[in-house]
Amino acid sequence: MVTNPPYSLFREYIAQLMEYDKKFLIIGSMNAITCKEIFPLLKDNKVWIGNTCFISGAEYFMGNASLYDAWEMPNPKPAYMKDRVFYWRVNDVHWFTDLDNQKQ
């Protein structure tokens, strides 16, 4: 198991997963579908956008509050802290997968 890569490495990460024929379910920016490396995979039905439950393509993600300074984050997103956990909103995100599912 690995964690989701930074969005800036999304194309390279997908390429590596495809090269090693690994099954995956990762969160990525919807803008990725326009990348010349990703679009052909979608077109050829090798990768698809998974069934997403993110409201309006946005979701809150969380992390240890000691690791984040909301005021120092580039492009600050709506964020809040609760019980020493930092939550920040990421817009326009969707699941990308090559796992079979009923709604592909």
PDB file of N, CA and C in Angstrom:
ATOM      1  N   MET A   1       0.846  -1.170   0.000  1.00  0.00           N
ATOM      2  CA  MET A   1       0.000   0.000   0.000  1.00  0.00           C
ATOM      3  C   MET A   1       0.893   1.234   0.000  1.00  0.00           C
ATOM      4  N   VAL A   2       0.498   2.217  -0.784  1.00  0.00           N
ATOM      5  CA  VAL A   2       1.191   3.502  -0.801  1.00  0.00           C
ATOM      6  C   VAL A   2       0.164   4.600  -0.663  1.00  0.00           C
ATOM      7  N   THR A   3       0.613   5.763  -0.288  1.00  0.00           N
ATOM      8  CA  THR A   3      -0.301   6.891  -0.191  1.00  0.00           C
ATOM      9  C   THR A   3      -0.413   7.566  -1.544  1.00  0.00           C
ATOM     10  N   ASN A   4      -1.371   8.439  -1.639  1.00  0.00           N
ATOM     11  CA  ASN A   4      -1.579   9.170  -2.881  1.00  0.00           C
ATOM     12  C   ASN A   4      -0.386  10.085  -3.155  1.00  0.00           C
ATOM     13  N   PRO A   5       0.069  10.178  -4.399  1.00  0.00           N
ATOM     14  CA  PRO A   5       1.209  11.045  -4.712  1.00  0.00           C
ATOM     15  C   PRO A   5       0.772  12.508  -4.762  1.00  0.00           C
ATOM     16  N   PRO A   6       1.715  13.423  -4.706  1.00  0.00           N
ATOM     17  CA  PRO A   6       1.357  14.829  -4.958  1.00  0.00           C
ATOM     18  C   PRO A   6       0.781  14.941  -6.371  1.00  0.00           C
ATOM     19  N   TYR A   7      -0.167  15.826  -6.556  1.00  0.00           N
ATOM     20  CA  TYR A   7      -0.787  15.977  -7.877  1.00  0.00           C
ATOM     21  C   TYR A   7       0.237  16.330  -8.947  1.00  0.00           C
ATOM     22  N   SER A   8       1.321  16.983  -8.569  1.00  0.00           N
ATOM     23  CA  SER A   8       2.348  17.347  -9.548  1.00  0.00           C
ATOM     24  C   SER A   8       3.055  16.119 -10.118  1.00  0.00           C
ATOM     25  N   LEU A   9       2.969  14.977  -9.443  1.00  0.00           N
ATOM     26  CA  LEU A   9       3.601  13.746  -9.920  1.00  0.00           C
ATOM     27  C   LEU A   9       2.593  12.739 -10.466  1.00  0.00           C
ATOM     28  N   PHE A  10       1.367  13.175 -10.649  1.00  0.00           N
ATOM     29  CA  PHE A  10       0.284  12.276 -11.049  1.00  0.00           C
ATOM     30  C   PHE A  10       0.595  11.533 -12.348  1.00  0.00           C
ATOM     31  N   ARG A  11       1.017  12.247 -13.382  1.00  0.00           N
ATOM     32  CA  ARG A  11       1.285  11.617 -14.681  1.00  0.00           C
ATOM     33  C   ARG A  11       2.390  10.574 -14.569  1.00  0.00           C
ATOM     34  N   GLU A  12       3.457  10.916 -13.893  1.00  0.00           N
ATOM     35  CA  GLU A  12       4.571   9.982 -13.733  1.00  0.00           C
ATOM     36  C   GLU A  12       4.164   8.763 -12.910  1.00  0.00           C
ATOM     37  N   TYR A  13       3.325   8.997 -11.904  1.00  0.00           N
ATOM     38  CA  TYR A  13       2.878   7.912 -11.042  1.00  0.00           C
ATOM     39  C   TYR A  13       1.991   6.939 -11.820  1.00  0.00           C
ATOM     40  N   ILE A  14       1.062   7.465 -12.600  1.00  0.00           N
ATOM     41  CA  ILE A  14       0.195   6.612 -13.429  1.00  0.00           C
ATOM     42  C   ILE A  14       1.047   5.816 -14.414  1.00  0.00           C
ATOM     43  N   ALA A  15       2.021   6.467 -15.032  1.00  0.00           N
ATOM     44  CA  ALA A  15       2.901   5.773 -15.984  1.00  0.00           C
ATOM     45  C   ALA A  15       3.622   4.617 -15.303  1.00  0.00           C
ATOM     46  N   GLN A  16       4.097   4.837 -14.096  1.00  0.00           N
ATOM     47  CA  GLN A  16       4.801   3.780 -13.363  1.00  0.00           C
ATOM     48  C   GLN A  16       3.855   2.635 -13.014  1.00  0.00           C
ATOM     49  N   LEU A  17       2.650   2.959 -12.579  1.00  0.00           N
ATOM     50  CA  LEU A  17       1.669   1.920 -12.269  1.00  0.00           C
ATOM     51  C   LEU A  17       1.337   1.092 -13.505  1.00  0.00           C
ATOM     52  N   MET A  18       1.197   1.756 -14.638  1.00  0.00           N
ATOM     53  CA  MET A  18       0.893   1.051 -15.884  1.00  0.00           C
ATOM     54  C   MET A  18       2.075   0.190 -16.312  1.00  0.00           C
ATOM     55  N   GLU A  19       3.284   0.707 -16.181  1.00  0.00           N
ATOM     56  CA  GLU A  19       4.483  -0.030 -16.573  1.00  0.00           C
ATOM     57  C   GLU A  19       4.599  -1.354 -15.806  1.00  0.00           C
ATOM     58  N   TYR A  20       4.277  -1.327 -14.523  1.00  0.00           N
ATOM     59  CA  TYR A  20       4.400  -2.517 -13.691  1.00  0.00           C
ATOM     60  C   TYR A  20       3.082  -3.277 -13.542  1.00  0.00           C
ATOM     61  N   ASP A  21       2.083  -2.873 -14.335  1.00  0.00           N
ATOM     62  CA  ASP A  21       0.791  -3.560 -14.363  1.00  0.00           C
ATOM     63  C   ASP A  21       0.184  -3.695 -12.964  1.00  0.00           C
ATOM     64  N   LYS A  22       0.189  -2.588 -12.214  1.00  0.00           N
ATOM     65  CA  LYS A  22      -0.347  -2.568 -10.852  1.00  0.00           C
ATOM     66  C   LYS A  22      -1.785  -2.058 -10.865  1.00  0.00           C
ATOM     67  N   LYS A  23      -2.622  -2.650 -10.070  1.00  0.00           N
ATOM     68  CA  LYS A  23      -3.986  -2.169  -9.881  1.00  0.00           C
ATOM     69  C   LYS A  23      -3.940  -0.983  -8.926  1.00  0.00           C
ATOM     70  N   PHE A  24      -4.808  -0.001  -9.148  1.00  0.00           N
ATOM     71  CA  PHE A  24      -4.747   1.200  -8.320  1.00  0.00           C
ATOM     72  C   PHE A  24      -6.101   1.857  -8.161  1.00  0.00           C
ATOM     73  N   LEU A  25      -6.204   2.625  -7.136  1.00  0.00           N
ATOM     74  CA  LEU A  25      -7.330   3.498  -6.844  1.00  0.00           C
ATOM     75  C   LEU A  25      -6.707   4.714  -6.177  1.00  0.00           C
ATOM     76  N   ILE A  26      -6.635   5.811  -6.915  1.00  0.00           N
ATOM     77  CA  ILE A  26      -5.974   7.010  -6.396  1.00  0.00           C
ATOM     78  C   ILE A  26      -6.852   8.228  -6.635  1.00  0.00           C
ATOM     79  N   ILE A  27      -6.591   9.260  -5.880  1.00  0.00           N
ATOM     80  CA  ILE A  27      -7.312  10.518  -6.024  1.00  0.00           C
ATOM     81  C   ILE A  27      -6.451  11.453  -6.861  1.00  0.00           C
ATOM     82  N   GLY A  28      -7.083  12.076  -7.840  1.00  0.00           N
ATOM     83  CA  GLY A  28      -6.348  13.004  -8.685  1.00  0.00           C
ATOM     84  C   GLY A  28      -7.225  14.155  -9.121  1.00  0.00           C
ATOM     85  N   SER A  29      -6.575  15.171  -9.618  1.00  0.00           N
ATOM     86  CA  SER A  29      -7.289  16.335 -10.135  1.00  0.00           C
ATOM     87  C   SER A  29      -8.008  15.966 -11.421  1.00  0.00           C
ATOM     88  N   MET A  30      -9.210  16.462 -11.574  1.00  0.00           N
ATOM     89  CA  MET A  30      -9.962  16.211 -12.802  1.00  0.00           C
ATOM     90  C   MET A  30      -9.234  16.792 -14.012  1.00  0.00           C
ATOM     91  N   ASN A  31      -8.370  17.769 -13.794  1.00  0.00           N
ATOM     92  CA  ASN A  31      -7.590  18.341 -14.897  1.00  0.00           C
ATOM     93  C   ASN A  31      -6.680  17.304 -15.544  1.00  0.00           C
ATOM     94  N   ALA A  32      -6.395  16.220 -14.846  1.00  0.00           N
ATOM     95  CA  ALA A  32      -5.515  15.185 -15.380  1.00  0.00           C
ATOM     96  C   ALA A  32      -6.068  14.568 -16.664  1.00  0.00           C
ATOM     97  N   ILE A  33      -7.376  14.593 -16.846  1.00  0.00           N
ATOM     98  CA  ILE A  33      -7.943  13.952 -18.042  1.00  0.00           C
ATOM     99  C   ILE A  33      -7.508  14.644 -19.327  1.00  0.00           C
ATOM    100  N   THR A  34      -7.031  15.867 -19.222  1.00  0.00           N
ATOM    101  CA  THR A  34      -6.592  16.594 -20.418  1.00  0.00           C
ATOM    102  C   THR A  34      -5.119  16.372 -20.734  1.00  0.00           C
ATOM    103  N   CYS A  35      -4.398  15.670 -19.876  1.00  0.00           N
ATOM    104  CA  CYS A  35      -2.968  15.425 -20.094  1.00  0.00           C
ATOM    105  C   CYS A  35      -2.772  14.417 -21.218  1.00  0.00           C
ATOM    106  N   LYS A  36      -1.768  14.655 -22.038  1.00  0.00           N
ATOM    107  CA  LYS A  36      -1.525  13.771 -23.179  1.00  0.00           C
ATOM    108  C   LYS A  36      -1.137  12.362 -22.747  1.00  0.00           C
ATOM    109  N   GLU A  37      -0.666  12.193 -21.510  1.00  0.00           N
ATOM    110  CA  GLU A  37      -0.316  10.872 -21.008  1.00  0.00           C
ATOM    111  C   GLU A  37      -1.529  10.133 -20.431  1.00  0.00           C
ATOM    112  N   ILE A  38      -2.523  10.869 -19.960  1.00  0.00           N
ATOM    113  CA  ILE A  38      -3.673  10.268 -19.278  1.00  0.00           C
ATOM    114  C   ILE A  38      -4.850  10.051 -20.220  1.00  0.00           C
ATOM    115  N   PHE A  39      -5.127  11.011 -21.084  1.00  0.00           N
ATOM    116  CA  PHE A  39      -6.294  10.915 -21.963  1.00  0.00           C
ATOM    117  C   PHE A  39      -6.319   9.619 -22.780  1.00  0.00           C
ATOM    118  N   PRO A  40      -5.203   9.195 -23.398  1.00  0.00           N
ATOM    119  CA  PRO A  40      -5.249   7.939 -24.167  1.00  0.00           C
ATOM    120  C   PRO A  40      -5.604   6.720 -23.303  1.00  0.00           C
ATOM    121  N   LEU A  41      -5.188   6.727 -22.055  1.00  0.00           N
ATOM    122  CA  LEU A  41      -5.520   5.621 -21.156  1.00  0.00           C
ATOM    123  C   LEU A  41      -7.021   5.565 -20.894  1.00  0.00           C
ATOM    124  N   LEU A  42      -7.629   6.739 -20.744  1.00  0.00           N
ATOM    125  CA  LEU A  42      -9.079   6.808 -20.557  1.00  0.00           C
ATOM    126  C   LEU A  42      -9.795   6.389 -21.846  1.00  0.00           C
ATOM    127  N   LYS A  43      -9.328   6.897 -22.953  1.00  0.00           N
ATOM    128  CA  LYS A  43      -9.931   6.604 -24.261  1.00  0.00           C
ATOM    129  C   LYS A  43      -9.876   5.109 -24.585  1.00  0.00           C
ATOM    130  N   ASP A  44      -8.764   4.459 -24.242  1.00  0.00           N
ATOM    131  CA  ASP A  44      -8.578   3.033 -24.520  1.00  0.00           C
ATOM    132  C   ASP A  44      -9.124   2.136 -23.413  1.00  0.00           C
ATOM    133  N   ASN A  45      -9.822   2.736 -22.461  1.00  0.00           N
ATOM    134  CA  ASN A  45     -10.457   2.011 -21.356  1.00  0.00           C
ATOM    135  C   ASN A  45      -9.463   1.218 -20.515  1.00  0.00           C
ATOM    136  N   LYS A  46      -8.270   1.763 -20.359  1.00  0.00           N
ATOM    137  CA  LYS A  46      -7.268   1.157 -19.478  1.00  0.00           C
ATOM    138  C   LYS A  46      -7.343   1.764 -18.083  1.00  0.00           C
ATOM    139  N   VAL A  47      -7.851   2.976 -18.010  1.00  0.00           N
ATOM    140  CA  VAL A  47      -8.059   3.713 -16.756  1.00  0.00           C
ATOM    141  C   VAL A  47      -9.408   4.393 -16.884  1.00  0.00           C
ATOM    142  N   TRP A  48     -10.119   4.517 -15.787  1.00  0.00           N
ATOM    143  CA  TRP A  48     -11.362   5.255 -15.812  1.00  0.00           C
ATOM    144  C   TRP A  48     -11.532   6.042 -14.524  1.00  0.00           C
ATOM    145  N   ILE A  49     -12.445   6.956 -14.605  1.00  0.00           N
ATOM    146  CA  ILE A  49     -12.757   7.769 -13.432  1.00  0.00           C
ATOM    147  C   ILE A  49     -13.687   6.941 -12.568  1.00  0.00           C
ATOM    148  N   GLY A  50     -13.281   6.720 -11.350  1.00  0.00           N
ATOM    149  CA  GLY A  50     -14.042   5.861 -10.456  1.00  0.00           C
ATOM    150  C   GLY A  50     -15.316   6.509  -9.964  1.00  0.00           C
ATOM    151  N   ASN A  51     -16.128   5.708  -9.332  1.00  0.00           N
ATOM    152  CA  ASN A  51     -17.358   6.180  -8.731  1.00  0.00           C
ATOM    153  C   ASN A  51     -16.997   7.102  -7.580  1.00  0.00           C
ATOM    154  N   THR A  52     -17.343   8.365  -7.713  1.00  0.00           N
ATOM    155  CA  THR A  52     -16.934   9.341  -6.700  1.00  0.00           C
ATOM    156  C   THR A  52     -18.119   9.781  -5.863  1.00  0.00           C
ATOM    157  N   CYS A  53     -17.862  10.040  -4.603  1.00  0.00           N
ATOM    158  CA  CYS A  53     -18.908  10.560  -3.727  1.00  0.00           C
ATOM    159  C   CYS A  53     -18.553  11.973  -3.274  1.00  0.00           C
ATOM    160  N   PHE A  54     -17.524  12.561  -3.884  1.00  0.00           N
ATOM    161  CA  PHE A  54     -17.127  13.911  -3.501  1.00  0.00           C
ATOM    162  C   PHE A  54     -18.196  14.893  -3.963  1.00  0.00           C
ATOM    163  N   ILE A  55     -18.657  15.703  -3.075  1.00  0.00           N
ATOM    164  CA  ILE A  55     -19.687  16.682  -3.390  1.00  0.00           C
ATOM    165  C   ILE A  55     -19.082  17.779  -4.248  1.00  0.00           C
ATOM    166  N   SER A  56     -19.626  17.983  -5.411  1.00  0.00           N
ATOM    167  CA  SER A  56     -19.140  18.996  -6.352  1.00  0.00           C
ATOM    168  C   SER A  56     -17.662  18.810  -6.683  1.00  0.00           C
ATOM    169  N   GLY A  57     -17.177  17.584  -6.615  1.00  0.00           N
ATOM    170  CA  GLY A  57     -15.780  17.326  -6.948  1.00  0.00           C
ATOM    171  C   GLY A  57     -14.801  17.874  -5.928  1.00  0.00           C
ATOM    172  N   ALA A  58     -15.248  18.086  -4.696  1.00  0.00           N
ATOM    173  CA  ALA A  58     -14.361  18.610  -3.650  1.00  0.00           C
ATOM    174  C   ALA A  58     -14.495  17.741  -2.408  1.00  0.00           C
ATOM    175  N   GLU A  59     -13.433  17.691  -1.649  1.00  0.00           N
ATOM    176  CA  GLU A  59     -13.461  16.900  -0.419  1.00  0.00           C
ATOM    177  C   GLU A  59     -12.476  17.495   0.578  1.00  0.00           C
ATOM    178  N   TYR A  60     -12.732  17.250   1.843  1.00  0.00           N
ATOM    179  CA  TYR A  60     -11.802  17.651   2.890  1.00  0.00           C
ATOM    180  C   TYR A  60     -10.854  16.496   3.179  1.00  0.00           C
ATOM    181  N   PHE A  61      -9.579  16.808   3.327  1.00  0.00           N
ATOM    182  CA  PHE A  61      -8.574  15.836   3.685  1.00  0.00           C
ATOM    183  C   PHE A  61      -7.984  16.255   5.016  1.00  0.00           C
ATOM    184  N   MET A  62      -7.455  15.294   5.765  1.00  0.00           N
ATOM    185  CA  MET A  62      -6.988  15.625   7.103  1.00  0.00           C
ATOM    186  C   MET A  62      -5.555  15.181   7.317  1.00  0.00           C
ATOM    187  N   GLY A  63      -4.931  15.803   8.306  1.00  0.00           N
ATOM    188  CA  GLY A  63      -3.567  15.460   8.680  1.00  0.00           C
ATOM    189  C   GLY A  63      -3.279  15.959  10.077  1.00  0.00           C
ATOM    190  N   ASN A  64      -2.164  15.555  10.604  1.00  0.00           N
ATOM    191  CA  ASN A  64      -1.744  15.967  11.932  1.00  0.00           C
ATOM    192  C   ASN A  64      -1.509  17.480  11.932  1.00  0.00           C
ATOM    193  N   ALA A  65      -2.134  18.165  12.847  1.00  0.00           N
ATOM    194  CA  ALA A  65      -2.049  19.625  12.884  1.00  0.00           C
ATOM    195  C   ALA A  65      -0.623  20.133  13.035  1.00  0.00           C
ATOM    196  N   SER A  66       0.241  19.371  13.676  1.00  0.00           N
ATOM    197  CA  SER A  66       1.613  19.836  13.880  1.00  0.00           C
ATOM    198  C   SER A  66       2.414  19.854  12.578  1.00  0.00           C
ATOM    199  N   LEU A  67       1.924  19.192  11.543  1.00  0.00           N
ATOM    200  CA  LEU A  67       2.640  19.129  10.264  1.00  0.00           C
ATOM    201  C   LEU A  67       2.264  20.249   9.303  1.00  0.00           C
ATOM    202  N   TYR A  68       1.218  21.002   9.608  1.00  0.00           N
ATOM    203  CA  TYR A  68       0.700  21.980   8.677  1.00  0.00           C
ATOM    204  C   TYR A  68       0.588  23.355   9.309  1.00  0.00           C
ATOM    205  N   ASP A  69       0.861  24.343   8.536  1.00  0.00           N
ATOM    206  CA  ASP A  69       0.596  25.723   8.904  1.00  0.00           C
ATOM    207  C   ASP A  69      -0.298  26.287   7.809  1.00  0.00           C
ATOM    208  N   ALA A  70      -1.579  26.378   8.107  1.00  0.00           N
ATOM    209  CA  ALA A  70      -2.553  26.787   7.087  1.00  0.00           C
ATOM    210  C   ALA A  70      -2.194  28.119   6.450  1.00  0.00           C
ATOM    211  N   TRP A  71      -1.548  28.992   7.190  1.00  0.00           N
ATOM    212  CA  TRP A  71      -1.225  30.314   6.659  1.00  0.00           C
ATOM    213  C   TRP A  71      -0.006  30.274   5.748  1.00  0.00           C
ATOM    214  N   GLU A  72       0.783  29.224   5.826  1.00  0.00           N
ATOM    215  CA  GLU A  72       1.976  29.094   4.996  1.00  0.00           C
ATOM    216  C   GLU A  72       1.742  28.220   3.755  1.00  0.00           C
ATOM    217  N   MET A  73       0.565  27.621   3.646  1.00  0.00           N
ATOM    218  CA  MET A  73       0.290  26.740   2.507  1.00  0.00           C
ATOM    219  C   MET A  73       0.164  27.559   1.233  1.00  0.00           C
ATOM    220  N   PRO A  74       0.738  27.062   0.120  1.00  0.00           N
ATOM    221  CA  PRO A  74       0.532  27.761  -1.147  1.00  0.00           C
ATOM    222  C   PRO A  74      -0.936  27.652  -1.537  1.00  0.00           C
ATOM    223  N   ASN A  75      -1.466  28.701  -2.122  1.00  0.00           N
ATOM    224  CA  ASN A  75      -2.875  28.712  -2.525  1.00  0.00           C
ATOM    225  C   ASN A  75      -3.778  28.198  -1.411  1.00  0.00           C
ATOM    226  N   PRO A  76      -3.835  28.910  -0.283  1.00  0.00           N
ATOM    227  CA  PRO A  76      -4.596  28.412   0.861  1.00  0.00           C
ATOM    228  C   PRO A  76      -6.026  28.036   0.470  1.00  0.00           C
ATOM    229  N   LYS A  77      -6.452  26.925   0.962  1.00  0.00           N
ATOM    230  CA  LYS A  77      -7.799  26.425   0.733  1.00  0.00           C
ATOM    231  C   LYS A  77      -8.599  26.649   2.012  1.00  0.00           C
ATOM    232  N   PRO A  78      -9.930  26.614   1.899  1.00  0.00           N
ATOM    233  CA  PRO A  78     -10.696  26.660   3.142  1.00  0.00           C
ATOM    234  C   PRO A  78     -10.238  25.531   4.051  1.00  0.00           C
ATOM    235  N   ALA A  79      -9.907  25.874   5.251  1.00  0.00           N
ATOM    236  CA  ALA A  79      -9.358  24.877   6.171  1.00  0.00           C
ATOM    237  C   ALA A  79      -9.850  25.164   7.584  1.00  0.00           C
ATOM    238  N   TYR A  80      -9.791  24.142   8.410  1.00  0.00           N
ATOM    239  CA  TYR A  80     -10.121  24.311   9.814  1.00  0.00           C
ATOM    240  C   TYR A  80      -9.387  23.257  10.629  1.00  0.00           C
ATOM    241  N   MET A  81      -9.341  23.459  11.933  1.00  0.00           N
ATOM    242  CA  MET A  81      -8.696  22.530  12.836  1.00  0.00           C
ATOM    243  C   MET A  81      -9.716  22.091  13.882  1.00  0.00           C
ATOM    244  N   LYS A  82      -9.731  20.780  14.161  1.00  0.00           N
ATOM    245  CA  LYS A  82     -10.627  20.240  15.178  1.00  0.00           C
ATOM    246  C   LYS A  82      -9.900  19.102  15.870  1.00  0.00           C
ATOM    247  N   ASP A  83      -9.865  19.142  17.187  1.00  0.00           N
ATOM    248  CA  ASP A  83      -9.209  18.097  17.981  1.00  0.00           C
ATOM    249  C   ASP A  83      -7.790  17.817  17.503  1.00  0.00           C
ATOM    250  N   ARG A  84      -7.035  18.880  17.249  1.00  0.00           N
ATOM    251  CA  ARG A  84      -5.634  18.818  16.808  1.00  0.00           C
ATOM    252  C   ARG A  84      -5.438  18.118  15.466  1.00  0.00           C
ATOM    253  N   VAL A  85      -6.502  18.046  14.685  1.00  0.00           N
ATOM    254  CA  VAL A  85      -6.425  17.516  13.329  1.00  0.00           C
ATOM    255  C   VAL A  85      -6.739  18.658  12.374  1.00  0.00           C
ATOM    256  N   PHE A  86      -5.900  18.799  11.365  1.00  0.00           N
ATOM    257  CA  PHE A  86      -6.042  19.866  10.384  1.00  0.00           C
ATOM    258  C   PHE A  86      -6.797  19.323   9.174  1.00  0.00           C
ATOM    259  N   TYR A  87      -7.853  20.011   8.737  1.00  0.00           N
ATOM    260  CA  TYR A  87      -8.648  19.624   7.573  1.00  0.00           C
ATOM    261  C   TYR A  87      -8.535  20.726   6.531  1.00  0.00           C
ATOM    262  N   TRP A  88      -8.306  20.344   5.296  1.00  0.00           N
ATOM    263  CA  TRP A  88      -8.307  21.346   4.234  1.00  0.00           C
ATOM    264  C   TRP A  88      -9.081  20.822   3.040  1.00  0.00           C
ATOM    265  N   ARG A  89      -9.712  21.737   2.328  1.00  0.00           N
ATOM    266  CA  ARG A  89     -10.556  21.392   1.196  1.00  0.00           C
ATOM    267  C   ARG A  89      -9.734  21.399  -0.088  1.00  0.00           C
ATOM    268  N   VAL A  90      -9.930  20.360  -0.874  1.00  0.00           N
ATOM    269  CA  VAL A  90      -9.289  20.259  -2.180  1.00  0.00           C
ATOM    270  C   VAL A  90     -10.404  20.167  -3.213  1.00  0.00           C
ATOM    271  N   ASN A  91     -10.403  21.089  -4.156  1.00  0.00           N
ATOM    272  CA  ASN A  91     -11.450  21.136  -5.177  1.00  0.00           C
ATOM    273  C   ASN A  91     -11.104  20.286  -6.390  1.00  0.00           C
ATOM    274  N   ASP A  92     -12.137  19.893  -7.099  1.00  0.00           N
ATOM    275  CA  ASP A  92     -12.008  19.248  -8.401  1.00  0.00           C
ATOM    276  C   ASP A  92     -11.186  17.963  -8.344  1.00  0.00           C
ATOM    277  N   VAL A  93     -11.494  17.097  -7.387  1.00  0.00           N
ATOM    278  CA  VAL A  93     -10.783  15.830  -7.261  1.00  0.00           C
ATOM    279  C   VAL A  93     -11.737  14.671  -7.536  1.00  0.00           C
ATOM    280  N   HIS A  94     -11.191  13.618  -8.094  1.00  0.00           N
ATOM    281  CA  HIS A  94     -11.965  12.421  -8.416  1.00  0.00           C
ATOM    282  C   HIS A  94     -11.091  11.198  -8.241  1.00  0.00           C
ATOM    283  N   TRP A  95     -11.728  10.051  -8.118  1.00  0.00           N
ATOM    284  CA  TRP A  95     -11.011   8.788  -8.087  1.00  0.00           C
ATOM    285  C   TRP A  95     -10.601   8.423  -9.503  1.00  0.00           C
ATOM    286  N   PHE A  96      -9.399   7.906  -9.649  1.00  0.00           N
ATOM    287  CA  PHE A  96      -8.925   7.316 -10.896  1.00  0.00           C
ATOM    288  C   PHE A  96      -8.555   5.881 -10.567  1.00  0.00           C
ATOM    289  N   THR A  97      -8.946   4.948 -11.456  1.00  0.00           N
ATOM    290  CA  THR A  97      -8.730   3.548 -11.138  1.00  0.00           C
ATOM    291  C   THR A  97      -8.612   2.696 -12.388  1.00  0.00           C
ATOM    292  N   ASP A  98      -8.082   1.503 -12.194  1.00  0.00           N
ATOM    293  CA  ASP A  98      -8.150   0.466 -13.215  1.00  0.00           C
ATOM    294  C   ASP A  98      -8.782  -0.788 -12.609  1.00  0.00           C
ATOM    295  N   LEU A  99      -9.443  -0.619 -11.466  1.00  0.00           N
ATOM    296  CA  LEU A  99     -10.143  -1.722 -10.800  1.00  0.00           C
ATOM    297  C   LEU A  99     -11.541  -1.870 -11.385  1.00  0.00           C
ATOM    298  N   ASP A 100     -11.935  -3.096 -11.629  1.00  0.00           N
ATOM    299  CA  ASP A 100     -13.292  -3.328 -12.122  1.00  0.00           C
ATOM    300  C   ASP A 100     -14.289  -2.906 -11.055  1.00  0.00           C
ATOM    301  N   ASN A 101     -15.353  -2.249 -11.497  1.00  0.00           N
ATOM    302  CA  ASN A 101     -16.425  -1.882 -10.585  1.00  0.00           C
ATOM    303  C   ASN A 101     -17.718  -1.792 -11.374  1.00  0.00           C
ATOM    304  N   GLN A 102     -18.823  -1.777 -10.674  1.00  0.00           N
ATOM    305  CA  GLN A 102     -20.135  -1.810 -11.332  1.00  0.00           C
ATOM    306  C   GLN A 102     -20.451  -0.550 -12.119  1.00  0.00           C
ATOM    307  N   LYS A 103     -19.848   0.565 -11.756  1.00  0.00           N
ATOM    308  CA  LYS A 103     -20.211   1.836 -12.387  1.00  0.00           C
ATOM    309  C   LYS A 103     -19.150   2.373 -13.324  1.00  0.00           C
ATOM    310  N   GLN A 104     -18.249   1.515 -13.789  1.00  0.00           N
ATOM    311  CA  GLN A 104     -17.231   2.024 -14.688  1.00  0.00           C
ATOM    312  C   GLN A 104     -17.857   2.345 -16.007  1.00  0.00           C
TER     313      GLN A 104
END
